């Protein structure tokens, strides 16, 4: 695994894919957090007096899901970008044996 590149393209790819993972992970984590919060409210029979169950879902479960998803997405995409030599991200020309 090489972290250094003479022109900086490798580092830029890692940074941009990590940013993409951060954004996609945050969106996915927020959706999963809302789903988990709704499931929690239904299973635990949380009261809906003055919107308590909605505030529980959107002020507790959604931010936690967003945070966990963003960190996980950034790390996973960053590791995939760093292992570019083992996991092909860019299309390469086929060699003689591949034809």
N, C-alpha and C. Protein backbone atom coordinates (compact mmCIF):
# COMPACT_ATOMS: atom_id res chain seq x y z
N UNK A 1 0.85 -1.17 0.00
CA UNK A 1 0.00 0.00 0.00
C UNK A 1 0.89 1.23 0.00
N UNK A 2 0.75 2.06 -1.02
CA UNK A 2 1.57 3.26 -1.11
C UNK A 2 0.71 4.48 -0.83
N UNK A 3 1.18 5.30 0.08
CA UNK A 3 0.44 6.51 0.43
C UNK A 3 0.99 7.72 -0.30
N UNK A 4 2.20 7.63 -0.80
CA UNK A 4 2.78 8.80 -1.45
C UNK A 4 2.76 8.62 -2.96
N UNK A 5 2.63 9.74 -3.63
CA UNK A 5 2.58 9.76 -5.08
C UNK A 5 3.36 10.98 -5.53
N UNK A 6 4.03 10.85 -6.66
CA UNK A 6 4.87 11.97 -7.11
C UNK A 6 4.03 13.18 -7.52
N UNK A 7 2.83 12.95 -8.06
CA UNK A 7 2.02 14.08 -8.50
C UNK A 7 0.84 14.36 -7.57
N UNK A 8 0.66 13.59 -6.52
CA UNK A 8 -0.41 13.84 -5.57
C UNK A 8 -1.76 13.29 -5.98
N UNK A 9 -1.84 12.57 -7.09
CA UNK A 9 -3.13 12.05 -7.55
C UNK A 9 -3.65 10.99 -6.59
N UNK A 10 -2.77 10.15 -6.06
CA UNK A 10 -3.18 9.11 -5.13
C UNK A 10 -3.79 9.68 -3.86
N UNK A 11 -3.16 10.71 -3.32
CA UNK A 11 -3.69 11.34 -2.12
C UNK A 11 -5.01 12.05 -2.39
N UNK A 12 -5.11 12.66 -3.57
CA UNK A 12 -6.35 13.35 -3.92
C UNK A 12 -7.50 12.36 -4.09
N UNK A 13 -7.19 11.20 -4.69
CA UNK A 13 -8.23 10.18 -4.86
C UNK A 13 -8.72 9.68 -3.50
N UNK A 14 -7.79 9.46 -2.58
CA UNK A 14 -8.16 9.02 -1.24
C UNK A 14 -9.03 10.08 -0.55
N UNK A 15 -8.63 11.34 -0.66
CA UNK A 15 -9.37 12.41 -0.01
C UNK A 15 -10.77 12.57 -0.61
N UNK A 16 -10.88 12.53 -1.93
CA UNK A 16 -12.19 12.72 -2.56
C UNK A 16 -13.11 11.54 -2.32
N UNK A 17 -12.57 10.33 -2.39
CA UNK A 17 -13.42 9.18 -2.10
C UNK A 17 -13.81 9.11 -0.63
N UNK A 18 -12.95 9.57 0.26
CA UNK A 18 -13.33 9.65 1.68
C UNK A 18 -14.44 10.67 1.88
N UNK A 19 -14.37 11.79 1.18
CA UNK A 19 -15.43 12.79 1.27
C UNK A 19 -16.75 12.25 0.72
N UNK A 20 -16.67 11.53 -0.39
CA UNK A 20 -17.87 10.91 -0.94
C UNK A 20 -18.45 9.89 0.03
N UNK A 21 -17.59 9.10 0.66
CA UNK A 21 -18.04 8.14 1.66
C UNK A 21 -18.66 8.82 2.86
N UNK A 22 -18.10 9.96 3.25
CA UNK A 22 -18.66 10.72 4.36
C UNK A 22 -20.08 11.17 4.06
N UNK A 23 -20.29 11.70 2.87
CA UNK A 23 -21.62 12.20 2.49
C UNK A 23 -22.61 11.06 2.35
N UNK A 24 -22.23 10.02 1.61
CA UNK A 24 -23.14 8.89 1.41
C UNK A 24 -23.41 8.15 2.72
N UNK A 25 -22.38 8.01 3.54
CA UNK A 25 -22.56 7.36 4.84
C UNK A 25 -23.47 8.15 5.76
N UNK A 26 -23.36 9.48 5.72
CA UNK A 26 -24.23 10.31 6.55
C UNK A 26 -25.69 10.18 6.11
N UNK A 27 -25.92 10.18 4.81
CA UNK A 27 -27.29 10.03 4.33
C UNK A 27 -27.87 8.65 4.68
N UNK A 28 -27.09 7.62 4.42
CA UNK A 28 -27.55 6.26 4.74
C UNK A 28 -27.72 6.06 6.23
N UNK A 29 -26.81 6.59 7.02
CA UNK A 29 -26.91 6.48 8.47
C UNK A 29 -28.12 7.20 9.03
N UNK A 30 -28.45 8.36 8.46
CA UNK A 30 -29.63 9.10 8.90
C UNK A 30 -30.90 8.30 8.63
N UNK A 31 -30.97 7.68 7.45
CA UNK A 31 -32.14 6.87 7.11
C UNK A 31 -32.24 5.67 8.05
N UNK A 32 -31.11 5.00 8.28
CA UNK A 32 -31.13 3.85 9.20
C UNK A 32 -31.43 4.28 10.63
N UNK A 33 -30.96 5.46 11.03
CA UNK A 33 -31.26 5.97 12.36
C UNK A 33 -32.74 6.26 12.55
N UNK A 34 -33.35 6.83 11.53
CA UNK A 34 -34.80 7.09 11.60
C UNK A 34 -35.55 5.76 11.69
N UNK A 35 -35.15 4.79 10.87
CA UNK A 35 -35.80 3.48 10.93
C UNK A 35 -35.64 2.82 12.29
N UNK A 36 -34.44 2.88 12.85
CA UNK A 36 -34.20 2.30 14.18
C UNK A 36 -34.99 3.05 15.24
N UNK A 37 -35.09 4.37 15.10
CA UNK A 37 -35.86 5.15 16.08
C UNK A 37 -37.34 4.83 16.02
N UNK A 38 -37.88 4.69 14.83
CA UNK A 38 -39.30 4.34 14.70
C UNK A 38 -39.55 2.94 15.27
N UNK A 39 -38.63 2.02 15.00
CA UNK A 39 -38.76 0.67 15.56
C UNK A 39 -38.70 0.71 17.09
N UNK A 40 -37.79 1.53 17.63
CA UNK A 40 -37.68 1.65 19.09
C UNK A 40 -38.96 2.21 19.69
N UNK A 41 -39.54 3.21 19.06
CA UNK A 41 -40.77 3.82 19.57
C UNK A 41 -41.91 2.80 19.56
N UNK A 42 -41.98 2.00 18.50
CA UNK A 42 -43.05 1.01 18.40
C UNK A 42 -42.87 -0.13 19.40
N UNK A 43 -41.64 -0.61 19.55
CA UNK A 43 -41.39 -1.74 20.44
C UNK A 43 -41.53 -1.34 21.90
N UNK A 44 -41.02 -0.19 22.27
CA UNK A 44 -41.04 0.23 23.67
C UNK A 44 -42.29 0.99 24.06
N UNK A 45 -43.20 1.17 23.11
CA UNK A 45 -44.47 1.86 23.37
C UNK A 45 -44.25 3.25 23.98
N UNK A 46 -43.36 4.01 23.36
CA UNK A 46 -43.06 5.37 23.83
C UNK A 46 -44.28 6.26 23.62
N UNK A 47 -44.57 7.09 24.58
CA UNK A 47 -45.73 7.97 24.50
C UNK A 47 -45.55 9.02 23.40
N UNK A 48 -46.65 9.42 22.80
CA UNK A 48 -46.61 10.46 21.77
C UNK A 48 -47.15 11.78 22.30
N UNK A 49 -47.22 11.93 23.61
CA UNK A 49 -47.72 13.15 24.22
C UNK A 49 -46.83 14.32 23.83
N UNK A 50 -47.43 15.33 23.20
CA UNK A 50 -46.75 16.54 22.73
C UNK A 50 -45.56 16.22 21.83
N UNK A 51 -45.66 15.17 21.06
CA UNK A 51 -44.64 14.84 20.08
C UNK A 51 -43.36 14.26 20.66
N UNK A 52 -43.46 13.64 21.83
CA UNK A 52 -42.26 13.11 22.46
C UNK A 52 -41.60 12.03 21.62
N UNK A 53 -42.38 11.14 21.03
CA UNK A 53 -41.78 10.06 20.25
C UNK A 53 -41.09 10.59 18.99
N UNK A 54 -41.68 11.59 18.36
CA UNK A 54 -41.04 12.19 17.19
C UNK A 54 -39.75 12.90 17.54
N UNK A 55 -39.74 13.61 18.66
CA UNK A 55 -38.50 14.28 19.09
C UNK A 55 -37.43 13.26 19.46
N UNK A 56 -37.84 12.14 20.03
CA UNK A 56 -36.88 11.09 20.37
C UNK A 56 -36.21 10.55 19.11
N UNK A 57 -37.02 10.31 18.08
CA UNK A 57 -36.48 9.76 16.83
C UNK A 57 -35.57 10.77 16.15
N UNK A 58 -36.04 12.02 15.98
CA UNK A 58 -35.31 12.98 15.16
C UNK A 58 -34.23 13.76 15.89
N UNK A 59 -34.24 13.73 17.21
CA UNK A 59 -33.17 14.43 17.94
C UNK A 59 -32.20 13.48 18.63
N UNK A 60 -32.48 12.17 18.61
CA UNK A 60 -31.57 11.21 19.22
C UNK A 60 -31.08 10.18 18.21
N UNK A 61 -32.01 9.44 17.61
CA UNK A 61 -31.62 8.35 16.73
C UNK A 61 -31.06 8.83 15.39
N UNK A 62 -31.67 9.85 14.80
CA UNK A 62 -31.17 10.33 13.51
C UNK A 62 -29.76 10.91 13.61
N UNK A 63 -29.44 11.78 14.58
CA UNK A 63 -28.06 12.29 14.66
C UNK A 63 -27.04 11.19 14.96
N UNK A 64 -27.41 10.22 15.81
CA UNK A 64 -26.48 9.13 16.08
C UNK A 64 -26.24 8.29 14.83
N UNK A 65 -27.29 7.99 14.09
CA UNK A 65 -27.14 7.25 12.85
C UNK A 65 -26.31 8.01 11.83
N UNK A 66 -26.52 9.32 11.75
CA UNK A 66 -25.75 10.16 10.83
C UNK A 66 -24.27 10.14 11.18
N UNK A 67 -23.96 10.28 12.44
CA UNK A 67 -22.56 10.29 12.89
C UNK A 67 -21.88 8.96 12.63
N UNK A 68 -22.53 7.88 13.01
CA UNK A 68 -21.94 6.55 12.82
C UNK A 68 -21.80 6.24 11.33
N UNK A 69 -22.82 6.56 10.55
CA UNK A 69 -22.76 6.30 9.11
C UNK A 69 -21.69 7.12 8.41
N UNK A 70 -21.53 8.39 8.79
CA UNK A 70 -20.53 9.25 8.16
C UNK A 70 -19.12 8.75 8.44
N UNK A 71 -18.85 8.39 9.68
CA UNK A 71 -17.52 7.89 10.03
C UNK A 71 -17.24 6.57 9.32
N UNK A 72 -18.22 5.68 9.34
CA UNK A 72 -18.04 4.37 8.70
C UNK A 72 -17.84 4.52 7.19
N UNK A 73 -18.66 5.35 6.54
CA UNK A 73 -18.54 5.55 5.11
C UNK A 73 -17.21 6.16 4.71
N UNK A 74 -16.73 7.14 5.46
CA UNK A 74 -15.46 7.77 5.15
C UNK A 74 -14.30 6.79 5.30
N UNK A 75 -14.34 5.99 6.35
CA UNK A 75 -13.26 5.02 6.57
C UNK A 75 -13.27 3.95 5.50
N UNK A 76 -14.44 3.41 5.18
CA UNK A 76 -14.53 2.34 4.19
C UNK A 76 -14.08 2.83 2.81
N UNK A 77 -14.58 3.98 2.39
CA UNK A 77 -14.20 4.50 1.08
C UNK A 77 -12.72 4.90 1.06
N UNK A 78 -12.19 5.41 2.15
CA UNK A 78 -10.78 5.75 2.22
C UNK A 78 -9.89 4.53 2.12
N UNK A 79 -10.27 3.46 2.79
CA UNK A 79 -9.50 2.22 2.72
C UNK A 79 -9.56 1.64 1.31
N UNK A 80 -10.73 1.68 0.69
CA UNK A 80 -10.84 1.20 -0.69
C UNK A 80 -9.97 2.02 -1.64
N UNK A 81 -9.91 3.31 -1.44
CA UNK A 81 -9.08 4.16 -2.30
C UNK A 81 -7.60 3.91 -2.05
N UNK A 82 -7.24 3.64 -0.80
CA UNK A 82 -5.84 3.40 -0.47
C UNK A 82 -5.35 2.06 -1.01
N UNK A 83 -6.26 1.12 -1.15
CA UNK A 83 -5.90 -0.21 -1.67
C UNK A 83 -6.17 -0.31 -3.17
N UNK A 84 -5.90 0.74 -3.87
CA UNK A 84 -6.19 0.79 -5.30
C UNK A 84 -5.43 -0.27 -6.08
N UNK A 85 -4.27 -0.66 -5.60
CA UNK A 85 -3.49 -1.66 -6.34
C UNK A 85 -4.11 -3.04 -6.21
N UNK A 86 -4.84 -3.31 -5.14
CA UNK A 86 -5.45 -4.61 -4.95
C UNK A 86 -6.90 -4.65 -5.41
N UNK A 87 -7.61 -3.53 -5.26
CA UNK A 87 -9.00 -3.43 -5.71
C UNK A 87 -9.03 -2.40 -6.82
N UNK A 88 -9.32 -2.81 -8.02
CA UNK A 88 -9.27 -1.92 -9.17
C UNK A 88 -10.43 -0.94 -9.13
N UNK A 89 -10.13 0.33 -9.02
CA UNK A 89 -11.15 1.37 -9.06
C UNK A 89 -11.22 1.97 -10.45
N UNK A 90 -10.06 2.13 -11.09
CA UNK A 90 -10.02 2.70 -12.43
C UNK A 90 -9.98 1.59 -13.47
N UNK A 91 -10.57 1.85 -14.62
CA UNK A 91 -10.55 0.87 -15.70
C UNK A 91 -9.15 0.83 -16.30
N UNK A 92 -8.64 -0.39 -16.48
CA UNK A 92 -7.32 -0.57 -17.05
C UNK A 92 -7.44 -1.35 -18.35
N UNK A 93 -6.49 -1.12 -19.23
CA UNK A 93 -6.46 -1.84 -20.50
C UNK A 93 -6.17 -3.31 -20.23
N UNK A 94 -6.84 -4.22 -20.92
CA UNK A 94 -6.57 -5.65 -20.70
C UNK A 94 -5.20 -6.02 -21.24
N UNK A 95 -4.56 -6.94 -20.54
CA UNK A 95 -3.24 -7.42 -20.95
C UNK A 95 -3.38 -8.51 -22.00
N UNK A 96 -2.25 -9.08 -22.41
CA UNK A 96 -2.30 -10.12 -23.43
C UNK A 96 -3.04 -11.36 -22.96
N UNK A 97 -2.87 -11.71 -21.69
CA UNK A 97 -3.52 -12.91 -21.18
C UNK A 97 -5.03 -12.71 -21.02
N UNK A 98 -5.50 -11.48 -20.86
CA UNK A 98 -6.91 -11.21 -20.62
C UNK A 98 -7.73 -11.18 -21.89
N UNK A 99 -7.12 -11.11 -23.04
CA UNK A 99 -7.86 -10.98 -24.29
C UNK A 99 -8.47 -12.24 -24.77
